[in-house]
């Protein structure tokens, strides 16, 4: 019992910070102009669009909170699938997250960290420099998470505070602008971009919700720390509900704050430099370089959160018997001194390095214009969430869930998954990478085929 308690190293605050840290990356700092352009300069329609894009994470979190309250088994989503969907689907979701989704997402995130590091350090922004710095940061995060997991948890909390602070600050500045009477109204931009939504006609602004949804992605990975979370059956459901709502509130505060302070027309004209413009107006010209540093720290927080989650997944597959016996035992083994699955972390790091090579090749050859390999992974992962929402619906039918989490949440989250997932995979330039990721998943699944499916704590009441 003492050994089990020693592994409960993470608090509710860390769980909330992990979800927020994974979702809040650099994208939010540079999306406001895109939103305003899509809505014809209407702040009100922009708020509606952010809320629509947040449907997946807010209501998806409500659905997963049903499962988190009933189990704290290793693997998070993998364990939920085994208990509430099916063992075969549990193997599929586990292999996808461990060898396709999280590694490819992490590869791109650390490349982006390399991009911002070059800006901060004044280095040439070549792909070689960006990838080299990104890989160094990836290995540093991997080593920290494996050798000093508590330190990594504290770092996650600190980085979340760093990236949240400017969002709160911009929101506060916007509130002061409104109260002080010097806020810039959106009505005055009709001459610049046309009336709201008229640029493309009718409800064309709704299509812009899809790209914003990627700013909210990655949050289900946080469920993998359940075995190391204190009072997981209580704290993880709280985190899955509180963190998404906090993220939405911060995004809205930032978007409205920068829009009313600078004015929609100025934000659209400044583009990605709108935050730098705001900083220079408030704190002087030298402050214009701060956003790049903030973005770098934001991306590092996202990358650290992804690594923290990914390193536990191969171990969860080994514990469940989803990989061959000898390999499973090797992956499940923990270091006696660290009480951490070092072997699992090594496999996770190798997967990230492999996908980094794929990403570098795609960027060098221009195979995905204005995109990257992570977009395909995100879309596939969203479609794979649909069985979870169906399971939440069944819990309501069995009388074990209320109307909100058992009916409203599954329908709204499922509709968002279908819309964003299918629209993202429909792009012709991504077809080759859809085939590649499915081929990798199929190859790994075939290598593990025929293994005995083991449900953790199988003797327990699944609905206790």
Protein backbone atom coordinates (compact mmCIF):
# COMPACT_ATOMS: atom_id res chain seq x y z
CA UNK A 1 0.00 0.00 0.00
CA UNK A 2 2.83 2.38 0.83
CA UNK A 3 4.37 1.78 -2.61
CA UNK A 4 1.03 2.45 -4.30
CA UNK A 5 0.58 5.68 -2.35
CA UNK A 6 4.10 6.78 -3.28
CA UNK A 7 3.14 6.65 -6.96
CA UNK A 8 0.28 9.11 -6.35
CA UNK A 9 2.59 12.03 -7.00
CA UNK A 10 0.22 14.42 -8.81
CA UNK A 11 -2.45 16.69 -7.35
CA UNK A 12 -5.74 18.02 -8.74
CA UNK A 13 -3.91 21.25 -9.62
CA UNK A 14 -1.39 19.30 -11.71
CA UNK A 15 -4.20 17.49 -13.55
CA UNK A 16 -5.91 20.79 -14.38
CA UNK A 17 -2.60 22.38 -15.40
CA UNK A 18 -1.78 19.34 -17.56
CA UNK A 19 -5.01 19.64 -19.54
CA UNK A 20 -4.66 23.39 -19.86
CA UNK A 21 -0.96 23.09 -20.66
CA UNK A 22 -1.58 20.62 -23.47
CA UNK A 23 -4.38 22.66 -25.05
CA UNK A 24 -3.07 26.19 -24.67
CA UNK A 25 -0.20 26.50 -27.11
CA UNK A 26 1.03 29.39 -29.20
CA UNK A 27 -1.90 29.24 -31.61
CA UNK A 28 -4.28 31.31 -29.50
CA UNK A 29 -1.88 34.26 -29.57
CA UNK A 30 -2.05 34.41 -33.36
CA UNK A 31 -5.62 33.36 -34.16
CA UNK A 32 -7.58 36.50 -33.36
CA UNK A 33 -6.98 38.13 -36.75
CA UNK A 34 -8.09 34.94 -38.56
CA UNK A 35 -11.29 34.84 -36.52
CA UNK A 36 -12.08 38.48 -37.20
CA UNK A 37 -11.44 38.10 -40.92
CA UNK A 38 -13.78 35.09 -41.01
CA UNK A 39 -16.52 37.01 -39.19
CA UNK A 40 -16.15 40.24 -41.15
CA UNK A 41 -14.78 42.03 -38.07
CA UNK A 42 -17.63 41.07 -35.75
CA UNK A 43 -16.41 40.43 -32.19
CA UNK A 44 -19.78 38.95 -31.25
CA UNK A 45 -19.67 36.36 -34.04
CA UNK A 46 -16.08 35.62 -33.09
CA UNK A 47 -17.18 34.79 -29.55
CA UNK A 48 -19.86 32.49 -30.94
CA UNK A 49 -17.28 30.76 -33.15
CA UNK A 50 -14.91 30.14 -30.23
CA UNK A 51 -17.80 28.65 -28.26
CA UNK A 52 -18.70 26.38 -31.17
CA UNK A 53 -15.11 25.26 -31.58
CA UNK A 54 -14.92 24.55 -27.83
CA UNK A 55 -17.89 22.19 -28.03
CA UNK A 56 -15.64 19.16 -28.46
CA UNK A 57 -13.45 19.71 -25.42
CA UNK A 58 -16.14 21.04 -23.06
CA UNK A 59 -18.74 18.39 -23.74
CA UNK A 60 -16.18 15.69 -24.48
CA UNK A 61 -14.71 16.35 -21.06
CA UNK A 62 -18.16 15.97 -19.51
CA UNK A 63 -18.50 12.55 -21.18
CA UNK A 64 -15.09 11.31 -20.07
CA UNK A 65 -15.75 12.51 -16.53
CA UNK A 66 -18.37 9.75 -16.30
CA UNK A 67 -15.68 7.12 -16.90
CA UNK A 68 -13.02 8.85 -14.80
CA UNK A 69 -15.33 8.71 -11.79
CA UNK A 70 -15.64 4.92 -12.16
CA UNK A 71 -12.02 3.87 -12.63
CA UNK A 72 -8.45 5.04 -12.04
CA UNK A 73 -6.74 2.30 -14.05
CA UNK A 74 -3.52 2.73 -16.02
CA UNK A 75 -3.83 4.09 -19.51
CA UNK A 76 -6.69 6.56 -19.15
CA UNK A 77 -8.53 6.32 -22.47
CA UNK A 78 -7.31 2.76 -22.96
CA UNK A 79 -8.81 1.69 -19.63
CA UNK A 80 -12.06 3.52 -20.34
CA UNK A 81 -12.36 1.75 -23.70
CA UNK A 82 -11.78 -1.67 -22.12
CA UNK A 83 -14.40 -1.12 -19.45
CA UNK A 84 -17.07 0.82 -21.29
CA UNK A 85 -16.62 0.14 -25.03
CA UNK A 86 -14.81 -3.12 -25.90
CA UNK A 87 -11.38 -4.77 -25.36
CA UNK A 88 -10.63 -4.73 -29.10
CA UNK A 89 -11.32 -1.03 -29.33
CA UNK A 90 -9.16 -0.50 -26.24
CA UNK A 91 -6.21 -2.09 -28.03
CA UNK A 92 -6.84 0.03 -31.13
CA UNK A 93 -7.06 3.31 -29.22
CA UNK A 94 -4.01 2.45 -27.14
CA UNK A 95 -1.85 1.64 -30.16
CA UNK A 96 -3.04 4.73 -32.01
CA UNK A 97 -2.27 7.09 -29.14
CA UNK A 98 1.05 5.45 -28.25
CA UNK A 99 2.52 5.05 -31.74
CA UNK A 100 0.70 7.47 -34.07
CA UNK A 101 -1.26 10.30 -32.50
CA UNK A 102 0.79 11.52 -29.53
CA UNK A 103 4.22 10.96 -31.13
CA UNK A 104 3.28 12.82 -34.33
CA UNK A 105 1.67 15.67 -32.38
CA UNK A 106 4.74 15.91 -30.14
CA UNK A 107 7.08 15.94 -33.14
CA UNK A 108 5.29 18.94 -34.61
CA UNK A 109 5.00 20.74 -31.26
CA UNK A 110 8.74 20.55 -30.60
CA UNK A 111 9.47 21.69 -34.16
CA UNK A 112 7.28 24.75 -33.45
CA UNK A 113 9.28 25.26 -30.25
CA UNK A 114 12.39 25.27 -32.44
CA UNK A 115 10.77 27.88 -34.71
CA UNK A 116 10.14 30.25 -31.81
CA UNK A 117 13.53 29.51 -30.25
CA UNK A 118 15.20 30.69 -33.46
CA UNK A 119 13.18 33.91 -33.29
CA UNK A 120 14.03 34.52 -29.64
CA UNK A 121 17.73 33.74 -30.12
CA UNK A 122 18.02 35.57 -33.42
CA UNK A 123 19.13 32.48 -35.32
CA UNK A 124 18.40 31.82 -39.02
CA UNK A 125 14.99 30.19 -39.30
CA UNK A 126 16.13 27.26 -41.43
CA UNK A 127 14.41 23.90 -41.15
CA UNK A 128 17.69 22.37 -39.97
CA UNK A 129 18.05 24.86 -37.11
CA UNK A 130 14.41 24.53 -36.14
CA UNK A 131 14.50 20.73 -36.09
CA UNK A 132 17.83 20.58 -34.25
CA UNK A 133 16.63 22.87 -31.46
CA UNK A 134 13.26 21.12 -31.35
CA UNK A 135 14.85 17.68 -31.00
CA UNK A 136 17.14 18.95 -28.23
CA UNK A 137 14.14 20.30 -26.34
CA UNK A 138 12.25 17.05 -26.93
CA UNK A 139 15.06 14.95 -25.49
CA UNK A 140 15.42 17.34 -22.54
CA UNK A 141 11.69 17.06 -21.73
CA UNK A 142 11.81 13.28 -22.12
CA UNK A 143 14.78 12.97 -19.78
CA UNK A 144 13.23 15.28 -17.18
CA UNK A 145 9.93 13.38 -17.20
CA UNK A 146 11.68 10.02 -16.90
CA UNK A 147 14.36 10.90 -14.35
CA UNK A 148 12.55 13.53 -12.30
CA UNK A 149 8.77 13.09 -12.77
CA UNK A 150 7.90 15.26 -9.78
CA UNK A 151 10.04 18.07 -11.17
CA UNK A 152 8.26 17.68 -14.50
CA UNK A 153 4.89 18.04 -12.75
CA UNK A 154 6.04 21.24 -11.07
CA UNK A 155 7.40 22.52 -14.39
CA UNK A 156 4.02 21.83 -16.00
CA UNK A 157 2.31 23.93 -13.33
CA UNK A 158 4.82 26.77 -13.77
CA UNK A 159 4.64 26.79 -17.58
CA UNK A 160 0.85 26.83 -17.44
CA UNK A 161 0.97 29.91 -15.22
CA UNK A 162 3.42 31.57 -17.64
CA UNK A 163 1.23 30.99 -20.68
CA UNK A 164 -2.03 31.84 -18.88
CA UNK A 165 -0.71 35.14 -17.50
CA UNK A 166 -0.71 37.05 -20.84
CA UNK A 167 -4.20 35.74 -21.65
CA UNK A 168 -5.48 37.10 -18.34
CA UNK A 169 -3.55 40.34 -18.78
CA UNK A 170 -4.95 41.01 -22.26
CA UNK A 171 -8.44 40.22 -20.99
CA UNK A 172 -7.96 42.66 -18.10
CA UNK A 173 -6.72 45.36 -20.48
CA UNK A 174 -9.81 44.83 -22.61
CA UNK A 175 -12.06 45.13 -19.54
CA UNK A 176 -10.34 48.40 -18.59
CA UNK A 177 -10.85 49.62 -22.15
CA UNK A 178 -14.58 48.94 -21.91
CA UNK A 179 -14.92 50.50 -18.46
CA UNK A 180 -12.75 53.48 -19.45
CA UNK A 181 -14.79 54.19 -22.55
CA UNK A 182 -11.90 53.83 -25.02
CA UNK A 183 -12.84 50.41 -26.39
CA UNK A 184 -12.86 50.03 -30.17
CA UNK A 185 -16.23 48.85 -31.45
CA UNK A 186 -16.61 46.18 -34.12
CA UNK A 187 -19.31 48.07 -35.99
CA UNK A 188 -16.75 50.41 -37.45
CA UNK A 189 -14.98 47.74 -39.52
CA UNK A 190 -17.77 47.05 -41.97
CA UNK A 191 -16.07 49.21 -44.49
CA UNK A 192 -12.88 47.22 -44.15
CA UNK A 193 -14.11 43.67 -44.36
CA UNK A 194 -17.74 43.96 -45.11
CA UNK A 195 -20.56 43.20 -42.75
CA UNK A 196 -20.16 40.26 -40.48
CA UNK A 197 -20.23 37.07 -42.39
CA UNK A 198 -20.85 38.73 -45.71
CA UNK A 199 -17.37 38.20 -47.08
CA UNK A 200 -18.20 34.67 -48.12
CA UNK A 201 -21.94 34.93 -47.78
CA UNK A 202 -24.50 33.73 -45.25
CA UNK A 203 -23.13 31.41 -42.62
CA UNK A 204 -19.70 30.97 -44.21
CA UNK A 205 -18.12 32.14 -40.94
CA UNK A 206 -19.10 28.80 -39.34
CA UNK A 207 -16.43 27.02 -41.41
CA UNK A 208 -13.73 28.89 -39.50
CA UNK A 209 -14.65 26.94 -36.34
CA UNK A 210 -12.78 23.90 -37.66
CA UNK A 211 -9.24 25.36 -37.56
CA UNK A 212 -9.86 26.88 -34.11
CA UNK A 213 -10.85 23.46 -32.79
CA UNK A 214 -7.21 22.39 -33.16
CA UNK A 215 -6.36 24.94 -30.45
CA UNK A 216 -8.39 22.83 -28.04
CA UNK A 217 -6.99 19.44 -29.04
CA UNK A 218 -4.88 17.03 -26.99
CA UNK A 219 -6.79 17.12 -23.72
CA UNK A 220 -7.82 13.41 -23.59
CA UNK A 221 -4.13 12.47 -23.22
CA UNK A 222 -4.19 13.86 -19.68
CA UNK A 223 -6.23 10.86 -18.52
CA UNK A 224 -3.09 8.69 -18.74
CA UNK A 225 -1.80 10.08 -15.41
CA UNK A 226 -4.78 8.61 -13.51
CA UNK A 227 -2.66 5.94 -11.72
CA UNK A 228 -0.34 8.69 -10.46
CA UNK A 229 -3.07 11.16 -9.50
CA UNK A 230 -4.11 11.43 -5.88
CA UNK A 231 -7.78 10.46 -5.38
CA UNK A 232 -8.11 10.01 -9.15
CA UNK A 233 -11.78 9.01 -9.13
CA UNK A 234 -12.64 12.33 -7.56
CA UNK A 235 -9.98 14.65 -8.97
CA UNK A 236 -9.82 13.59 -12.62
CA UNK A 237 -13.54 14.18 -13.29
CA UNK A 238 -13.19 17.61 -11.68
CA UNK A 239 -10.18 18.38 -13.88
CA UNK A 240 -11.95 17.17 -17.05
CA UNK A 241 -14.79 19.62 -16.41
CA UNK A 242 -12.95 22.56 -14.84
CA UNK A 243 -10.00 22.75 -17.25
CA UNK A 244 -12.04 22.95 -20.51
CA UNK A 245 -14.25 25.67 -19.08
CA UNK A 246 -11.19 27.59 -17.88
CA UNK A 247 -9.55 27.26 -21.32
CA UNK A 248 -12.65 28.59 -23.07
CA UNK A 249 -12.88 31.51 -20.63
CA UNK A 250 -9.21 32.41 -21.19
CA UNK A 251 -9.52 32.20 -24.98
CA UNK A 252 -12.57 34.43 -24.95
CA UNK A 253 -10.91 36.91 -22.57
CA UNK A 254 -7.90 37.17 -24.87
CA UNK A 255 -9.89 37.44 -28.09
CA UNK A 256 -12.31 40.06 -26.78
CA UNK A 257 -9.56 41.91 -24.92
CA UNK A 258 -7.23 42.38 -27.89
CA UNK A 259 -10.14 43.12 -30.24
CA UNK A 260 -11.67 45.91 -28.16
CA UNK A 261 -8.29 47.39 -27.20
CA UNK A 262 -6.73 47.64 -30.67
CA UNK A 263 -9.95 47.54 -32.67
CA UNK A 264 -10.95 44.76 -35.08
CA UNK A 265 -9.65 46.61 -38.14
CA UNK A 266 -6.21 47.08 -36.55
CA UNK A 267 -6.05 43.45 -35.44
CA UNK A 268 -6.90 42.23 -38.95
CA UNK A 269 -4.35 44.58 -40.50
CA UNK A 270 -1.58 43.62 -38.04
CA UNK A 271 -2.26 39.89 -38.51
CA UNK A 272 0.04 37.67 -36.44
CA UNK A 273 1.77 40.80 -35.15
CA UNK A 274 -1.29 42.05 -33.26
CA UNK A 275 -0.03 40.89 -29.85
CA UNK A 276 3.37 42.46 -30.48
CA UNK A 277 1.61 45.69 -31.45
CA UNK A 278 -0.40 45.65 -28.21
CA UNK A 279 2.73 45.01 -26.14
CA UNK A 280 4.61 47.84 -27.84
CA UNK A 281 1.74 50.27 -27.22
CA UNK A 282 1.46 49.33 -23.56
CA UNK A 283 5.11 48.83 -22.61
CA UNK A 284 7.22 50.46 -25.33
CA UNK A 285 8.92 49.31 -28.52
CA UNK A 286 11.26 46.84 -26.79
CA UNK A 287 8.28 44.87 -25.54
CA UNK A 288 7.35 43.93 -29.12
CA UNK A 289 9.74 40.95 -28.87
CA UNK A 290 8.03 39.50 -25.78
CA UNK A 291 5.29 37.58 -27.65
CA UNK A 292 7.89 35.29 -29.26
CA UNK A 293 9.25 34.36 -25.82
CA UNK A 294 5.73 33.85 -24.49
CA UNK A 295 4.90 31.66 -27.49
CA UNK A 296 8.06 29.59 -26.93
CA UNK A 297 7.15 28.96 -23.28
CA UNK A 298 3.57 28.17 -24.29
CA UNK A 299 4.73 25.57 -26.81
CA UNK A 300 7.15 24.05 -24.29
CA UNK A 301 4.29 23.69 -21.83
CA UNK A 302 2.26 21.87 -24.47
CA UNK A 303 5.22 19.65 -25.41
CA UNK A 304 6.00 18.80 -21.80
CA UNK A 305 2.38 17.85 -21.18
CA UNK A 306 2.30 15.60 -24.23
CA UNK A 307 5.55 13.88 -23.23
CA UNK A 308 4.31 13.44 -19.66
CA UNK A 309 1.20 11.68 -20.99
CA UNK A 310 2.88 9.68 -23.79
CA UNK A 311 5.57 8.11 -21.63
CA UNK A 312 2.96 6.17 -19.62
CA UNK A 313 1.05 4.70 -22.56
CA UNK A 314 3.44 1.91 -23.66
CA UNK A 315 3.51 0.74 -20.03
CA UNK A 316 -0.30 0.68 -19.97
CA UNK A 317 -0.29 -1.49 -23.11
CA UNK A 318 2.17 -3.87 -21.45
CA UNK A 319 0.11 -4.09 -18.26
CA UNK A 320 -3.02 -4.90 -20.26
CA UNK A 321 -1.37 -7.60 -22.35
CA UNK A 322 -1.84 -5.68 -25.60
CA UNK A 323 1.72 -6.38 -26.73
CA UNK A 324 3.66 -9.71 -26.88
CA UNK A 325 4.44 -11.19 -23.48
CA UNK A 326 8.16 -10.47 -23.19
CA UNK A 327 7.82 -6.99 -24.65
CA UNK A 328 4.82 -6.33 -22.41
CA UNK A 329 6.72 -7.30 -19.29
CA UNK A 330 9.65 -5.12 -20.36
CA UNK A 331 7.38 -2.13 -20.97
CA UNK A 332 5.49 -2.58 -17.70
CA UNK A 333 8.66 -2.74 -15.61
CA UNK A 334 9.34 0.25 -13.37
CA UNK A 335 12.66 1.51 -12.07
CA UNK A 336 13.00 0.60 -8.41
CA UNK A 337 14.51 3.94 -7.49
CA UNK A 338 12.37 6.23 -9.63
CA UNK A 339 9.10 4.24 -9.48
CA UNK A 340 8.76 5.23 -13.13
CA UNK A 341 8.42 3.12 -16.34
CA UNK A 342 11.77 4.06 -17.91
CA UNK A 343 11.47 1.43 -20.65
CA UNK A 344 8.08 2.78 -21.60
CA UNK A 345 9.57 6.28 -21.79
CA UNK A 346 12.35 5.04 -24.09
CA UNK A 347 9.82 3.57 -26.53
CA UNK A 348 7.80 6.79 -26.43
CA UNK A 349 10.90 8.84 -27.20
CA UNK A 350 11.82 6.55 -30.11
CA UNK A 351 8.31 6.99 -31.55
CA UNK A 352 8.60 10.78 -31.30
CA UNK A 353 11.96 10.74 -33.05
CA UNK A 354 10.57 8.57 -35.86
CA UNK A 355 7.66 10.93 -36.46
CA UNK A 356 10.05 13.89 -36.29
CA UNK A 357 11.82 12.39 -39.32
CA UNK A 358 8.51 12.05 -41.15
CA UNK A 359 7.58 15.63 -40.29
CA UNK A 360 10.96 17.00 -41.38
CA UNK A 361 10.68 15.19 -44.73
CA UNK A 362 7.14 16.50 -45.26
CA UNK A 363 8.24 20.07 -44.53
CA UNK A 364 11.39 19.88 -46.64
CA UNK A 365 9.50 18.54 -49.65
CA UNK A 366 6.41 20.71 -49.19
CA UNK A 367 4.12 17.68 -49.13
CA UNK A 368 1.45 19.38 -46.99
CA UNK A 369 1.21 23.07 -47.97
CA UNK A 370 0.21 25.25 -45.00
CA UNK A 371 -0.07 22.17 -42.80
CA UNK A 372 1.76 19.31 -41.11
CA UNK A 373 1.40 15.62 -40.25
CA UNK A 374 -0.24 16.37 -36.90
CA UNK A 375 -3.43 17.58 -38.58
CA UNK A 376 -4.17 14.10 -39.92
CA UNK A 377 -3.52 12.59 -36.48
CA UNK A 378 -5.85 15.08 -34.84
CA UNK A 379 -8.68 14.29 -37.24
CA UNK A 380 -8.28 10.53 -36.84
CA UNK A 381 -8.14 10.89 -33.06
CA UNK A 382 -11.33 12.93 -33.04
CA UNK A 383 -13.18 10.27 -35.04
CA UNK A 384 -11.91 7.60 -32.64
CA UNK A 385 -13.56 9.48 -29.77
CA UNK A 386 -17.05 8.71 -31.12
CA UNK A 387 -17.36 5.28 -29.39
CA UNK A 388 -16.69 6.98 -26.04
CA UNK A 389 -19.58 9.35 -26.58
CA UNK A 390 -21.78 6.40 -27.54
CA UNK A 391 -20.75 4.70 -24.29
CA UNK A 392 -21.76 7.81 -22.33
CA UNK A 393 -25.16 7.61 -24.05
CA UNK A 394 -25.51 3.97 -22.92
CA UNK A 395 -24.73 4.93 -19.31
CA UNK A 396 -27.69 7.28 -19.43
CA UNK A 397 -29.86 4.49 -20.84
CA UNK A 398 -28.76 2.31 -17.91
CA UNK A 399 -29.73 5.03 -15.46
CA UNK A 400 -26.13 5.81 -14.47
CA UNK A 401 -25.79 9.30 -15.98
CA UNK A 402 -27.82 12.47 -16.02
CA UNK A 403 -29.30 14.20 -19.06
CA UNK A 404 -26.40 16.65 -19.44
CA UNK A 405 -23.56 14.10 -19.48
CA UNK A 406 -25.57 11.19 -20.87
CA UNK A 407 -27.54 12.90 -23.64
CA UNK A 408 -26.60 16.53 -24.36
CA UNK A 409 -22.82 16.13 -24.07
CA UNK A 410 -22.49 12.99 -26.27
CA UNK A 411 -24.61 14.51 -29.07
CA UNK A 412 -22.81 17.86 -29.18
CA UNK A 413 -19.31 16.42 -28.78
CA UNK A 414 -20.02 13.73 -31.38
CA UNK A 415 -21.37 16.22 -33.92
CA UNK A 416 -18.24 18.37 -33.50
CA UNK A 417 -15.97 15.34 -33.95
CA UNK A 418 -17.71 14.33 -37.17
CA UNK A 419 -17.68 17.84 -38.63
CA UNK A 420 -14.05 18.65 -37.87
CA UNK A 421 -12.65 15.14 -38.33
CA UNK A 422 -14.21 14.43 -41.72
CA UNK A 423 -13.56 17.92 -43.09
CA UNK A 424 -9.89 17.67 -42.13
CA UNK A 425 -9.39 14.25 -43.72
CA UNK A 426 -11.19 15.30 -46.91
CA UNK A 427 -8.29 17.51 -48.05
CA UNK A 428 -6.64 15.76 -51.06
CA UNK A 429 -3.10 16.82 -50.01
CA UNK A 430 -3.50 14.87 -46.78
CA UNK A 431 -4.58 11.61 -48.41
CA UNK A 432 -1.07 10.16 -48.52
CA UNK A 433 -0.56 10.81 -44.81
CA UNK A 434 -3.95 9.34 -43.95
CA UNK A 435 -2.77 6.17 -45.70
CA UNK A 436 0.61 6.34 -43.92
CA UNK A 437 -0.86 6.70 -40.43
CA UNK A 438 -3.43 3.98 -41.01
CA UNK A 439 -0.67 1.72 -42.38
CA UNK A 440 1.47 2.29 -39.28
CA UNK A 441 -1.49 1.59 -37.02
CA UNK A 442 -2.39 -1.55 -38.97
CA UNK A 443 1.21 -2.82 -38.88
CA UNK A 444 1.49 -2.35 -35.12
CA UNK A 445 -1.94 -3.91 -34.56
CA UNK A 446 -1.02 -6.96 -36.65
CA UNK A 447 2.23 -7.37 -34.71
CA UNK A 448 0.19 -7.49 -31.50
CA UNK A 449 -2.64 -9.62 -32.93
CA UNK A 450 -3.63 -12.75 -31.15
CA UNK A 451 -2.54 -11.60 -27.71
CA UNK A 452 -4.79 -12.24 -24.74
CA UNK A 453 -6.87 -9.20 -23.93
CA UNK A 454 -6.54 -8.47 -20.22
CA UNK A 455 -8.88 -6.12 -18.49
CA UNK A 456 -7.26 -4.41 -15.51
CA UNK A 457 -8.99 -5.16 -12.22
CA UNK A 458 -11.32 -7.46 -14.11
CA UNK A 459 -12.88 -8.76 -10.96
CA UNK A 460 -14.17 -5.31 -9.97
CA UNK A 461 -17.66 -4.07 -10.60
CA UNK A 462 -17.24 -1.94 -13.68
CA UNK A 463 -19.83 0.58 -12.45
CA UNK A 464 -18.77 0.87 -8.85
